[in-house]
Amino acid sequence: MSGSLPEPSSYAATLVEIKQQVHAARFKAQRRANTELVELYWRIGRTIAARQATEGWGARVISRLADDLRASFPEMKGFSSRDLSYMRAFAVAWSDHRIVQQAVAQLPGGHITVLLDRLGDPALRAWYADKAVAQGRSRNVLEYHIKTSAHERFEAAPSKFGRVLVGGHGYCRPESGPPGPARTKESQSWFQSPR
């Protein structure tokens, strides 16, 4: 930065705009990289599950596989026996080969292990995965909502299907009655951080 040159009037706004572009691009790249890793872990888990089903692979083979993978990829984390077991459980829990199109593919691995450890019902896993992705919440908040059965509270909340947008002005209203603000206290996200 040079102190002797006068600053153009649009400089500050341009700097803010470019910084926002950089942040957005970095976030997008991180999300894509995470999705690729999640898909890789799913494919590894699917391969392990298939070998266990067809060839009877047990804990010793998985342990050896973990050792060999760590030796082949020393710069990578995530190839312990326990990690490989989670990959297998992940592939079994989400058996659809289109995993990358599902919300769970956008979650970090720690979130996926929470879903696997805490929920046995596939529909509930998918529901919590969808909400975690939509709201971008931490693993701790995800765990909190699972422990407190947030799905029951949310499903018991009044439906917003009867509301419509009025004239593009950002107001919602029931089919009849006066317009009100689009985001009322009761319409705020259920996936808020616990206080």
N, C-alpha and C. Protein backbone atom coordinates (compact mmCIF):
# COMPACT_ATOMS: atom_id res chain seq x y z
N MET A 1 0.84 -1.16 0.00
CA MET A 1 0.00 0.00 0.00
C MET A 1 0.89 1.23 0.00
N SER A 2 0.61 2.13 -0.88
CA SER A 2 1.40 3.35 -1.00
C SER A 2 0.63 4.50 -0.38
N GLY A 3 1.29 5.23 0.55
CA GLY A 3 0.64 6.33 1.23
C GLY A 3 0.67 7.62 0.43
N SER A 4 1.50 7.70 -0.62
CA SER A 4 1.63 8.95 -1.36
C SER A 4 0.59 9.12 -2.47
N LEU A 5 -0.02 8.05 -2.92
CA LEU A 5 -1.02 8.14 -3.99
C LEU A 5 -2.41 8.36 -3.40
N PRO A 6 -3.19 9.25 -4.00
CA PRO A 6 -4.56 9.43 -3.50
C PRO A 6 -5.38 8.18 -3.81
N GLU A 7 -6.28 7.84 -2.91
CA GLU A 7 -7.12 6.66 -3.06
C GLU A 7 -8.35 7.01 -3.87
N PRO A 8 -8.64 6.25 -4.94
CA PRO A 8 -9.86 6.52 -5.72
C PRO A 8 -11.10 6.34 -4.84
N SER A 9 -12.15 7.02 -5.15
CA SER A 9 -13.36 6.99 -4.32
C SER A 9 -13.97 5.60 -4.23
N SER A 10 -13.81 4.78 -5.25
CA SER A 10 -14.42 3.45 -5.24
C SER A 10 -13.47 2.37 -4.71
N TYR A 11 -12.29 2.77 -4.25
CA TYR A 11 -11.27 1.80 -3.84
C TYR A 11 -11.77 0.89 -2.70
N ALA A 12 -12.28 1.48 -1.62
CA ALA A 12 -12.71 0.69 -0.45
C ALA A 12 -13.80 -0.31 -0.83
N ALA A 13 -14.76 0.13 -1.62
CA ALA A 13 -15.83 -0.78 -2.03
C ALA A 13 -15.30 -1.88 -2.93
N THR A 14 -14.34 -1.55 -3.80
CA THR A 14 -13.75 -2.56 -4.68
C THR A 14 -12.97 -3.58 -3.87
N LEU A 15 -12.22 -3.11 -2.87
CA LEU A 15 -11.47 -4.02 -2.00
C LEU A 15 -12.41 -4.99 -1.30
N VAL A 16 -13.49 -4.48 -0.75
CA VAL A 16 -14.48 -5.33 -0.07
C VAL A 16 -15.06 -6.35 -1.04
N GLU A 17 -15.40 -5.93 -2.23
CA GLU A 17 -15.98 -6.82 -3.24
C GLU A 17 -15.01 -7.94 -3.61
N ILE A 18 -13.74 -7.60 -3.83
CA ILE A 18 -12.74 -8.61 -4.21
C ILE A 18 -12.49 -9.57 -3.05
N LYS A 19 -12.44 -9.06 -1.84
CA LYS A 19 -12.24 -9.93 -0.68
C LYS A 19 -13.41 -10.91 -0.55
N GLN A 20 -14.63 -10.45 -0.81
CA GLN A 20 -15.79 -11.34 -0.76
C GLN A 20 -15.69 -12.42 -1.83
N GLN A 21 -15.21 -12.05 -3.02
CA GLN A 21 -15.04 -13.03 -4.10
C GLN A 21 -14.01 -14.09 -3.71
N VAL A 22 -12.90 -13.65 -3.10
CA VAL A 22 -11.86 -14.59 -2.68
C VAL A 22 -12.40 -15.53 -1.61
N HIS A 23 -13.09 -14.98 -0.62
CA HIS A 23 -13.67 -15.83 0.43
C HIS A 23 -14.66 -16.83 -0.14
N ALA A 24 -15.51 -16.39 -1.05
CA ALA A 24 -16.51 -17.27 -1.65
C ALA A 24 -15.84 -18.38 -2.46
N ALA A 25 -14.81 -18.03 -3.23
CA ALA A 25 -14.11 -19.04 -4.04
C ALA A 25 -13.39 -20.04 -3.15
N ARG A 26 -12.78 -19.58 -2.08
CA ARG A 26 -12.09 -20.49 -1.16
C ARG A 26 -13.07 -21.44 -0.50
N PHE A 27 -14.22 -20.91 -0.08
CA PHE A 27 -15.24 -21.75 0.55
C PHE A 27 -15.75 -22.79 -0.42
N LYS A 28 -16.01 -22.37 -1.66
CA LYS A 28 -16.50 -23.29 -2.69
C LYS A 28 -15.48 -24.40 -2.96
N ALA A 29 -14.20 -24.04 -3.02
CA ALA A 29 -13.15 -25.04 -3.26
C ALA A 29 -13.07 -26.02 -2.09
N GLN A 30 -13.20 -25.52 -0.87
CA GLN A 30 -13.17 -26.42 0.29
C GLN A 30 -14.35 -27.37 0.27
N ARG A 31 -15.53 -26.87 -0.10
CA ARG A 31 -16.71 -27.73 -0.16
C ARG A 31 -16.54 -28.81 -1.22
N ARG A 32 -15.99 -28.44 -2.39
CA ARG A 32 -15.77 -29.42 -3.45
C ARG A 32 -14.77 -30.48 -3.02
N ALA A 33 -13.68 -30.05 -2.37
CA ALA A 33 -12.68 -31.00 -1.90
C ALA A 33 -13.28 -31.94 -0.87
N ASN A 34 -14.09 -31.40 0.05
CA ASN A 34 -14.74 -32.23 1.05
C ASN A 34 -15.66 -33.24 0.39
N THR A 35 -16.43 -32.80 -0.59
CA THR A 35 -17.35 -33.71 -1.29
C THR A 35 -16.59 -34.83 -1.98
N GLU A 36 -15.47 -34.51 -2.58
CA GLU A 36 -14.64 -35.54 -3.23
C GLU A 36 -14.13 -36.55 -2.21
N LEU A 37 -13.67 -36.07 -1.05
CA LEU A 37 -13.18 -36.99 -0.02
C LEU A 37 -14.31 -37.86 0.52
N VAL A 38 -15.46 -37.27 0.74
CA VAL A 38 -16.60 -38.06 1.24
C VAL A 38 -16.97 -39.13 0.23
N GLU A 39 -16.97 -38.79 -1.05
CA GLU A 39 -17.28 -39.78 -2.07
C GLU A 39 -16.21 -40.87 -2.12
N LEU A 40 -14.94 -40.48 -1.96
CA LEU A 40 -13.85 -41.46 -1.90
C LEU A 40 -14.05 -42.40 -0.72
N TYR A 41 -14.34 -41.84 0.45
CA TYR A 41 -14.55 -42.68 1.63
C TYR A 41 -15.73 -43.62 1.45
N TRP A 42 -16.78 -43.15 0.78
CA TRP A 42 -17.92 -44.01 0.50
C TRP A 42 -17.51 -45.16 -0.42
N ARG A 43 -16.74 -44.86 -1.46
CA ARG A 43 -16.31 -45.91 -2.40
C ARG A 43 -15.39 -46.92 -1.69
N ILE A 44 -14.49 -46.43 -0.84
CA ILE A 44 -13.64 -47.35 -0.07
C ILE A 44 -14.51 -48.23 0.81
N GLY A 45 -15.47 -47.63 1.50
CA GLY A 45 -16.37 -48.40 2.36
C GLY A 45 -17.17 -49.42 1.59
N ARG A 46 -17.63 -49.05 0.40
CA ARG A 46 -18.38 -49.99 -0.44
C ARG A 46 -17.50 -51.16 -0.85
N THR A 47 -16.24 -50.87 -1.20
CA THR A 47 -15.31 -51.94 -1.58
C THR A 47 -15.06 -52.89 -0.41
N ILE A 48 -14.86 -52.33 0.77
CA ILE A 48 -14.62 -53.17 1.96
C ILE A 48 -15.85 -54.02 2.26
N ALA A 49 -17.03 -53.41 2.23
CA ALA A 49 -18.26 -54.16 2.50
C ALA A 49 -18.43 -55.30 1.50
N ALA A 50 -18.12 -55.04 0.24
CA ALA A 50 -18.25 -56.08 -0.79
C ALA A 50 -17.27 -57.22 -0.52
N ARG A 51 -16.04 -56.89 -0.17
CA ARG A 51 -15.04 -57.94 0.11
C ARG A 51 -15.42 -58.74 1.36
N GLN A 52 -15.98 -58.07 2.35
CA GLN A 52 -16.41 -58.80 3.54
C GLN A 52 -17.55 -59.75 3.21
N ALA A 53 -18.44 -59.31 2.33
CA ALA A 53 -19.58 -60.15 1.96
C ALA A 53 -19.16 -61.33 1.09
N THR A 54 -18.25 -61.10 0.14
CA THR A 54 -17.91 -62.16 -0.81
C THR A 54 -16.71 -63.00 -0.38
N GLU A 55 -15.78 -62.39 0.34
CA GLU A 55 -14.56 -63.12 0.69
C GLU A 55 -14.36 -63.30 2.19
N GLY A 56 -15.29 -62.81 2.98
CA GLY A 56 -15.23 -63.02 4.42
C GLY A 56 -14.13 -62.24 5.13
N TRP A 57 -13.77 -61.09 4.61
CA TRP A 57 -12.73 -60.28 5.27
C TRP A 57 -13.14 -59.99 6.69
N GLY A 58 -12.17 -60.10 7.60
CA GLY A 58 -12.41 -59.83 9.01
C GLY A 58 -11.53 -58.69 9.51
N ALA A 59 -11.45 -58.57 10.82
CA ALA A 59 -10.74 -57.46 11.46
C ALA A 59 -9.25 -57.46 11.12
N ARG A 60 -8.66 -58.63 11.00
CA ARG A 60 -7.21 -58.69 10.69
C ARG A 60 -6.92 -58.15 9.29
N VAL A 61 -7.75 -58.49 8.33
CA VAL A 61 -7.54 -58.01 6.97
C VAL A 61 -7.74 -56.49 6.93
N ILE A 62 -8.73 -56.00 7.64
CA ILE A 62 -8.98 -54.55 7.69
C ILE A 62 -7.81 -53.85 8.36
N SER A 63 -7.28 -54.43 9.41
CA SER A 63 -6.13 -53.84 10.09
C SER A 63 -4.91 -53.79 9.17
N ARG A 64 -4.69 -54.85 8.43
CA ARG A 64 -3.57 -54.87 7.48
C ARG A 64 -3.79 -53.85 6.37
N LEU A 65 -5.02 -53.77 5.88
CA LEU A 65 -5.35 -52.79 4.85
C LEU A 65 -5.09 -51.37 5.36
N ALA A 66 -5.46 -51.11 6.61
CA ALA A 66 -5.21 -49.79 7.21
C ALA A 66 -3.72 -49.49 7.26
N ASP A 67 -2.93 -50.45 7.69
CA ASP A 67 -1.47 -50.27 7.75
C ASP A 67 -0.89 -49.99 6.37
N ASP A 68 -1.33 -50.76 5.38
CA ASP A 68 -0.81 -50.58 4.02
C ASP A 68 -1.23 -49.25 3.41
N LEU A 69 -2.46 -48.82 3.68
CA LEU A 69 -2.91 -47.53 3.16
C LEU A 69 -2.16 -46.37 3.81
N ARG A 70 -1.92 -46.47 5.12
CA ARG A 70 -1.16 -45.40 5.81
C ARG A 70 0.27 -45.36 5.30
N ALA A 71 0.84 -46.52 4.98
CA ALA A 71 2.21 -46.54 4.44
C ALA A 71 2.24 -45.97 3.02
N SER A 72 1.20 -46.23 2.24
CA SER A 72 1.14 -45.73 0.87
C SER A 72 0.84 -44.24 0.80
N PHE A 73 0.09 -43.74 1.78
CA PHE A 73 -0.32 -42.33 1.80
C PHE A 73 -0.01 -41.71 3.16
N PRO A 74 1.28 -41.57 3.50
CA PRO A 74 1.63 -41.07 4.85
C PRO A 74 1.18 -39.64 5.11
N GLU A 75 0.97 -38.87 4.06
CA GLU A 75 0.55 -37.47 4.24
C GLU A 75 -0.95 -37.34 4.51
N MET A 76 -1.70 -38.41 4.33
CA MET A 76 -3.15 -38.37 4.54
C MET A 76 -3.53 -38.96 5.88
N LYS A 77 -4.56 -38.38 6.46
CA LYS A 77 -5.15 -38.95 7.67
C LYS A 77 -6.42 -39.67 7.27
N GLY A 78 -6.92 -40.55 8.15
CA GLY A 78 -8.21 -41.17 7.89
C GLY A 78 -8.13 -42.62 7.44
N PHE A 79 -6.98 -43.26 7.62
CA PHE A 79 -6.88 -44.66 7.18
C PHE A 79 -6.59 -45.62 8.33
N SER A 80 -7.05 -45.31 9.53
CA SER A 80 -6.91 -46.25 10.63
C SER A 80 -7.96 -47.35 10.45
N SER A 81 -7.81 -48.42 11.21
CA SER A 81 -8.82 -49.50 11.17
C SER A 81 -10.20 -48.96 11.52
N ARG A 82 -10.23 -48.10 12.52
CA ARG A 82 -11.50 -47.51 12.94
C ARG A 82 -12.10 -46.66 11.81
N ASP A 83 -11.26 -45.86 11.14
CA ASP A 83 -11.74 -45.05 10.03
C ASP A 83 -12.29 -45.92 8.91
N LEU A 84 -11.60 -47.01 8.60
CA LEU A 84 -12.08 -47.91 7.55
C LEU A 84 -13.41 -48.55 7.95
N SER A 85 -13.57 -48.83 9.24
CA SER A 85 -14.85 -49.38 9.71
C SER A 85 -15.97 -48.36 9.54
N TYR A 86 -15.66 -47.08 9.83
CA TYR A 86 -16.66 -46.03 9.60
C TYR A 86 -16.99 -45.90 8.12
N MET A 87 -15.98 -46.01 7.27
CA MET A 87 -16.23 -45.93 5.82
C MET A 87 -17.17 -47.04 5.38
N ARG A 88 -16.95 -48.23 5.91
CA ARG A 88 -17.81 -49.36 5.59
C ARG A 88 -19.23 -49.09 6.07
N ALA A 89 -19.35 -48.63 7.33
CA ALA A 89 -20.67 -48.33 7.88
C ALA A 89 -21.36 -47.22 7.09
N PHE A 90 -20.61 -46.25 6.65
CA PHE A 90 -21.13 -45.16 5.84
C PHE A 90 -21.70 -45.69 4.53
N ALA A 91 -20.95 -46.56 3.86
CA ALA A 91 -21.41 -47.12 2.58
C ALA A 91 -22.63 -48.00 2.76
N VAL A 92 -22.70 -48.71 3.87
CA VAL A 92 -23.86 -49.56 4.13
C VAL A 92 -25.08 -48.70 4.48
N ALA A 93 -24.86 -47.65 5.28
CA ALA A 93 -25.97 -46.79 5.70
C ALA A 93 -26.55 -46.00 4.54
N TRP A 94 -25.69 -45.53 3.65
CA TRP A 94 -26.13 -44.80 2.46
C TRP A 94 -25.72 -45.63 1.25
N SER A 95 -26.51 -46.63 0.93
CA SER A 95 -26.11 -47.59 -0.10
C SER A 95 -26.32 -47.09 -1.52
N ASP A 96 -27.02 -45.98 -1.68
CA ASP A 96 -27.28 -45.44 -3.02
C ASP A 96 -25.99 -44.96 -3.66
N HIS A 97 -25.72 -45.39 -4.87
CA HIS A 97 -24.48 -45.01 -5.56
C HIS A 97 -24.44 -43.53 -5.93
N ARG A 98 -25.56 -42.83 -5.81
CA ARG A 98 -25.60 -41.39 -6.09
C ARG A 98 -25.37 -40.59 -4.81
N ILE A 99 -24.49 -41.05 -3.95
CA ILE A 99 -24.23 -40.42 -2.66
C ILE A 99 -23.88 -38.95 -2.80
N VAL A 100 -23.17 -38.59 -3.86
CA VAL A 100 -22.72 -37.22 -4.02
C VAL A 100 -23.88 -36.25 -4.21
N GLN A 101 -25.05 -36.75 -4.60
CA GLN A 101 -26.23 -35.90 -4.79
C GLN A 101 -27.01 -35.72 -3.49
N GLN A 102 -26.61 -36.41 -2.44
CA GLN A 102 -27.32 -36.33 -1.18
C GLN A 102 -26.63 -35.35 -0.25
N ALA A 103 -27.37 -34.82 0.70
CA ALA A 103 -26.83 -33.83 1.63
C ALA A 103 -25.63 -34.35 2.40
N VAL A 104 -25.64 -35.62 2.73
CA VAL A 104 -24.56 -36.18 3.54
C VAL A 104 -23.19 -36.03 2.86
N ALA A 105 -23.16 -35.99 1.55
CA ALA A 105 -21.89 -35.85 0.82
C ALA A 105 -21.28 -34.47 1.04
N GLN A 106 -22.05 -33.52 1.52
CA GLN A 106 -21.54 -32.18 1.76
C GLN A 106 -21.09 -31.98 3.20
N LEU A 107 -21.25 -32.99 4.04
CA LEU A 107 -20.87 -32.88 5.45
C LEU A 107 -19.44 -33.37 5.67
N PRO A 108 -18.75 -32.78 6.64
CA PRO A 108 -17.44 -33.30 7.01
C PRO A 108 -17.57 -34.70 7.62
N GLY A 109 -16.48 -35.43 7.61
CA GLY A 109 -16.49 -36.80 8.12
C GLY A 109 -16.95 -36.92 9.55
N GLY A 110 -16.59 -35.96 10.40
CA GLY A 110 -17.01 -36.00 11.80
C GLY A 110 -18.52 -35.95 11.96
N HIS A 111 -19.18 -35.17 11.11
CA HIS A 111 -20.64 -35.12 11.14
C HIS A 111 -21.23 -36.48 10.75
N ILE A 112 -20.62 -37.11 9.77
CA ILE A 112 -21.12 -38.41 9.31
C ILE A 112 -20.98 -39.46 10.40
N THR A 113 -19.86 -39.43 11.14
CA THR A 113 -19.70 -40.40 12.23
C THR A 113 -20.74 -40.17 13.32
N VAL A 114 -21.08 -38.91 13.59
CA VAL A 114 -22.14 -38.62 14.57
C VAL A 114 -23.46 -39.22 14.10
N LEU A 115 -23.79 -39.02 12.83
CA LEU A 115 -25.04 -39.58 12.29
C LEU A 115 -25.04 -41.10 12.40
N LEU A 116 -23.91 -41.72 12.09
CA LEU A 116 -23.82 -43.18 12.15
C LEU A 116 -23.90 -43.70 13.58
N ASP A 117 -23.22 -43.01 14.50
CA ASP A 117 -23.18 -43.46 15.89
C ASP A 117 -24.49 -43.23 16.64
N ARG A 118 -25.18 -42.15 16.32
CA ARG A 118 -26.33 -41.74 17.11
C ARG A 118 -27.69 -42.15 16.55
N LEU A 119 -27.74 -42.44 15.25
CA LEU A 119 -29.04 -42.69 14.62
C LEU A 119 -29.04 -44.00 13.85
N GLY A 120 -30.00 -44.85 14.12
CA GLY A 120 -30.13 -46.09 13.38
C GLY A 120 -31.11 -46.00 12.22
N ASP A 121 -32.00 -45.04 12.30
CA ASP A 121 -33.05 -44.89 11.29
C ASP A 121 -32.52 -44.10 10.09
N PRO A 122 -32.50 -44.70 8.91
CA PRO A 122 -32.00 -44.01 7.71
C PRO A 122 -32.75 -42.71 7.41
N ALA A 123 -34.04 -42.68 7.63
CA ALA A 123 -34.81 -41.47 7.36
C ALA A 123 -34.39 -40.33 8.29
N LEU A 124 -34.15 -40.66 9.56
CA LEU A 124 -33.69 -39.64 10.51
C LEU A 124 -32.28 -39.17 10.16
N ARG A 125 -31.42 -40.10 9.76
CA ARG A 125 -30.07 -39.69 9.33
C ARG A 125 -30.14 -38.69 8.19
N ALA A 126 -30.97 -39.00 7.21
CA ALA A 126 -31.11 -38.11 6.05
C ALA A 126 -31.70 -36.77 6.48
N TRP A 127 -32.66 -36.78 7.39
CA TRP A 127 -33.28 -35.54 7.85
C TRP A 127 -32.26 -34.65 8.54
N TYR A 128 -31.50 -35.22 9.47
CA TYR A 128 -30.49 -34.43 10.19
C TYR A 128 -29.37 -33.99 9.25
N ALA A 129 -28.99 -34.82 8.29
CA ALA A 129 -27.97 -34.42 7.32
C ALA A 129 -28.46 -33.23 6.50
N ASP A 130 -29.70 -33.29 6.04
CA ASP A 130 -30.27 -32.18 5.27
C ASP A 130 -30.24 -30.88 6.07
N LYS A 131 -30.66 -30.95 7.33
CA LYS A 131 -30.71 -29.74 8.16
C LYS A 131 -29.30 -29.23 8.48
N ALA A 132 -28.37 -30.13 8.72
CA ALA A 132 -26.99 -29.71 9.02
C ALA A 132 -26.37 -29.00 7.84
N VAL A 133 -26.60 -29.51 6.64
CA VAL A 133 -26.07 -28.87 5.43
C VAL A 133 -26.75 -27.53 5.19
N ALA A 134 -28.06 -27.52 5.29
CA ALA A 134 -28.81 -26.29 5.01
C ALA A 134 -28.42 -25.16 5.96
N GLN A 135 -28.13 -25.50 7.20
CA GLN A 135 -27.83 -24.48 8.20
C GLN A 135 -26.34 -24.34 8.48
N GLY A 136 -25.50 -25.22 7.93
CA GLY A 136 -24.06 -25.13 8.11
C GLY A 136 -23.62 -25.21 9.57
N ARG A 137 -24.21 -26.11 10.30
CA ARG A 137 -23.93 -26.18 11.74
C ARG A 137 -22.77 -27.10 12.08
N SER A 138 -22.19 -26.85 13.24
CA SER A 138 -21.04 -27.61 13.72
C SER A 138 -21.47 -29.01 14.15
N ARG A 139 -20.47 -29.86 14.33
CA ARG A 139 -20.75 -31.22 14.79
C ARG A 139 -21.36 -31.20 16.18
N ASN A 140 -20.88 -30.31 17.06
CA ASN A 140 -21.44 -30.25 18.41
C ASN A 140 -22.91 -29.85 18.40
N VAL A 141 -23.27 -28.92 17.54
CA VAL A 141 -24.67 -28.50 17.45
C VAL A 141 -25.50 -29.64 16.86
N LEU A 142 -24.97 -30.35 15.88
CA LEU A 142 -25.66 -31.51 15.32
C LEU A 142 -25.92 -32.53 16.43
N GLU A 143 -24.90 -32.83 17.22
CA GLU A 143 -25.07 -33.79 18.32
C GLU A 143 -26.13 -33.30 19.31
N TYR A 144 -26.09 -32.03 19.64
CA TYR A 144 -27.07 -31.46 20.56
C TYR A 144 -28.49 -31.66 20.04
N HIS A 145 -28.70 -31.37 18.77
CA HIS A 145 -30.04 -31.50 18.21
C HIS A 145 -30.49 -32.96 18.13
N ILE A 146 -29.57 -33.86 17.89
CA ILE A 146 -29.94 -35.28 17.90
C ILE A 146 -30.31 -35.71 19.32
N LYS A 147 -29.49 -35.32 20.31
CA LYS A 147 -29.75 -35.70 21.70
C LYS A 147 -31.08 -35.14 22.20
N THR A 148 -31.46 -33.98 21.72
CA THR A 148 -32.70 -33.35 22.18
C THR A 148 -33.88 -33.62 21.24
N SER A 149 -33.71 -34.54 20.31
CA SER A 149 -34.78 -34.94 19.38
C SER A 149 -35.40 -33.74 18.66
N ALA A 150 -34.56 -32.94 18.07
CA ALA A 150 -35.02 -31.74 17.37
C ALA A 150 -36.03 -32.07 16.27
N HIS A 151 -35.89 -33.23 15.66
CA HIS A 151 -36.82 -33.60 14.60
C HIS A 151 -38.26 -33.67 15.10
N GLU A 152 -38.46 -34.08 16.36
CA GLU A 152 -39.80 -34.14 16.91
C GLU A 152 -40.36 -32.75 17.14
N ARG A 153 -39.51 -31.84 17.64
CA ARG A 153 -39.97 -30.47 17.87
C ARG A 153 -40.28 -29.78 16.55
N PHE A 154 -39.42 -29.99 15.57
CA PHE A 154 -39.61 -29.33 14.28
C PHE A 154 -40.85 -29.86 13.58
N GLU A 155 -41.02 -31.16 13.59
CA GLU A 155 -42.17 -31.75 12.91
C GLU A 155 -43.48 -31.37 13.59
N ALA A 156 -43.43 -31.03 14.88
CA ALA A 156 -44.64 -30.64 15.61
C ALA A 156 -44.96 -29.16 15.39
N ALA A 157 -44.03 -28.39 14.82
CA ALA A 157 -44.25 -26.96 14.60
C ALA A 157 -45.33 -26.75 13.53
N PRO A 158 -46.01 -25.63 13.60
CA PRO A 158 -47.04 -25.35 12.59
C PRO A 158 -46.43 -25.28 11.19
N SER A 159 -47.17 -25.74 10.22
CA SER A 159 -46.69 -25.74 8.84
C SER A 159 -46.75 -24.34 8.25
N LYS A 160 -45.78 -24.01 7.40
CA LYS A 160 -45.75 -22.72 6.72
C LYS A 160 -46.24 -22.85 5.27
N PHE A 161 -46.78 -23.99 4.89
CA PHE A 161 -47.21 -24.21 3.50
C PHE A 161 -48.34 -23.28 3.09
N GLY A 162 -49.13 -22.81 4.03
CA GLY A 162 -50.26 -21.96 3.70
C GLY A 162 -49.88 -20.51 3.46
N ARG A 163 -48.60 -20.19 3.50
CA ARG A 163 -48.15 -18.80 3.34
C ARG A 163 -47.69 -18.56 1.91
N VAL A 164 -47.90 -17.33 1.46
CA VAL A 164 -47.50 -16.98 0.10
C VAL A 164 -46.77 -15.65 0.12
N LEU A 165 -45.97 -15.39 -0.90
CA LEU A 165 -45.27 -14.12 -1.05
C LEU A 165 -46.23 -13.10 -1.63
N VAL A 166 -46.22 -11.91 -1.08
CA VAL A 166 -47.12 -10.86 -1.53
C VAL A 166 -46.35 -9.85 -2.37
N GLY A 167 -46.65 -9.78 -3.65
CA GLY A 167 -46.11 -8.76 -4.53
C GLY A 167 -44.60 -8.65 -4.57
N GLY A 168 -43.86 -9.68 -4.22
CA GLY A 168 -42.40 -9.63 -4.27
C GLY A 168 -41.78 -8.69 -3.25
N HIS A 169 -42.54 -8.29 -2.23
CA HIS A 169 -42.02 -7.33 -1.25
C HIS A 169 -41.43 -8.00 -0.03
N GLY A 170 -41.29 -9.31 -0.05
CA GLY A 170 -40.68 -10.00 1.08
C GLY A 170 -41.61 -10.20 2.26
N TYR A 171 -42.90 -10.10 2.04
CA TYR A 171 -43.85 -10.34 3.11
C TYR A 171 -44.56 -11.65 2.87
N CYS A 172 -44.82 -12.36 3.95
CA CYS A 172 -45.61 -13.58 3.87
C CYS A 172 -46.93 -13.32 4.54
N ARG A 173 -47.95 -13.98 4.07
CA ARG A 173 -49.24 -13.87 4.72
C ARG A 173 -50.02 -15.14 4.49
N PRO A 174 -50.93 -15.45 5.38
CA PRO A 174 -51.82 -16.56 5.11
C PRO A 174 -52.69 -16.18 3.91
N GLU A 175 -53.40 -17.14 3.37
CA GLU A 175 -54.25 -16.89 2.21
C GLU A 175 -55.23 -15.75 2.47
N SER A 176 -55.62 -15.54 3.73
CA SER A 176 -56.45 -14.39 4.07
C SER A 176 -55.87 -13.75 5.31
N GLY A 177 -56.08 -12.47 5.47
CA GLY A 177 -55.57 -11.77 6.65
C GLY A 177 -54.47 -10.80 6.27
N PRO A 178 -54.04 -9.97 7.22
CA PRO A 178 -53.07 -8.93 6.93
C PRO A 178 -51.67 -9.50 6.73
N PRO A 179 -50.85 -8.81 5.89
CA PRO A 179 -49.49 -9.27 5.70
C PRO A 179 -48.65 -9.05 6.95
N GLY A 180 -47.61 -9.86 7.11
CA GLY A 180 -46.69 -9.71 8.24
C GLY A 180 -45.27 -9.91 7.75
N PRO A 181 -44.28 -9.72 8.60
CA PRO A 181 -42.91 -9.90 8.18
C PRO A 181 -42.62 -11.33 7.77
N ALA A 182 -41.69 -11.50 6.82
CA ALA A 182 -41.38 -12.82 6.28
C ALA A 182 -40.77 -13.73 7.33
N ARG A 183 -39.90 -13.21 8.20
CA ARG A 183 -39.27 -14.04 9.21
C ARG A 183 -39.75 -13.64 10.58
N THR A 184 -40.77 -14.32 11.05
CA THR A 184 -41.24 -14.09 12.40
C THR A 184 -40.42 -14.93 13.34
N LYS A 185 -40.55 -14.70 14.62
CA LYS A 185 -39.78 -15.44 15.60
C LYS A 185 -40.01 -16.95 15.46
N GLU A 186 -41.26 -17.36 15.23
CA GLU A 186 -41.53 -18.79 15.12
C GLU A 186 -41.05 -19.40 13.81
N SER A 187 -40.74 -18.57 12.79
CA SER A 187 -40.29 -19.13 11.53
C SER A 187 -38.76 -19.19 11.43
N GLN A 188 -38.07 -18.73 12.47
CA GLN A 188 -36.62 -18.79 12.43
C GLN A 188 -36.16 -20.25 12.45
N SER A 189 -34.96 -20.44 12.00
CA SER A 189 -34.43 -21.79 11.86
C SER A 189 -34.48 -22.58 13.16
N TRP A 190 -34.89 -23.82 13.08
CA TRP A 190 -34.89 -24.70 14.24
C TRP A 190 -33.47 -25.11 14.60
N PHE A 191 -32.54 -24.98 13.66
CA PHE A 191 -31.19 -25.49 13.85
C PHE A 191 -30.27 -24.40 14.41
N GLN A 192 -30.78 -23.55 15.28
CA GLN A 192 -29.99 -22.51 15.89
C GLN A 192 -29.07 -23.13 16.94
N SER A 193 -27.94 -22.48 17.17
CA SER A 193 -27.01 -22.95 18.18
C SER A 193 -27.69 -22.91 19.55
N PRO A 194 -27.40 -23.90 20.41
CA PRO A 194 -27.99 -23.88 21.75
C PRO A 194 -27.36 -22.73 22.55
N ARG A 195 -28.11 -22.16 23.43
CA ARG A 195 -27.59 -21.06 24.25
C ARG A 195 -27.07 -21.58 25.54
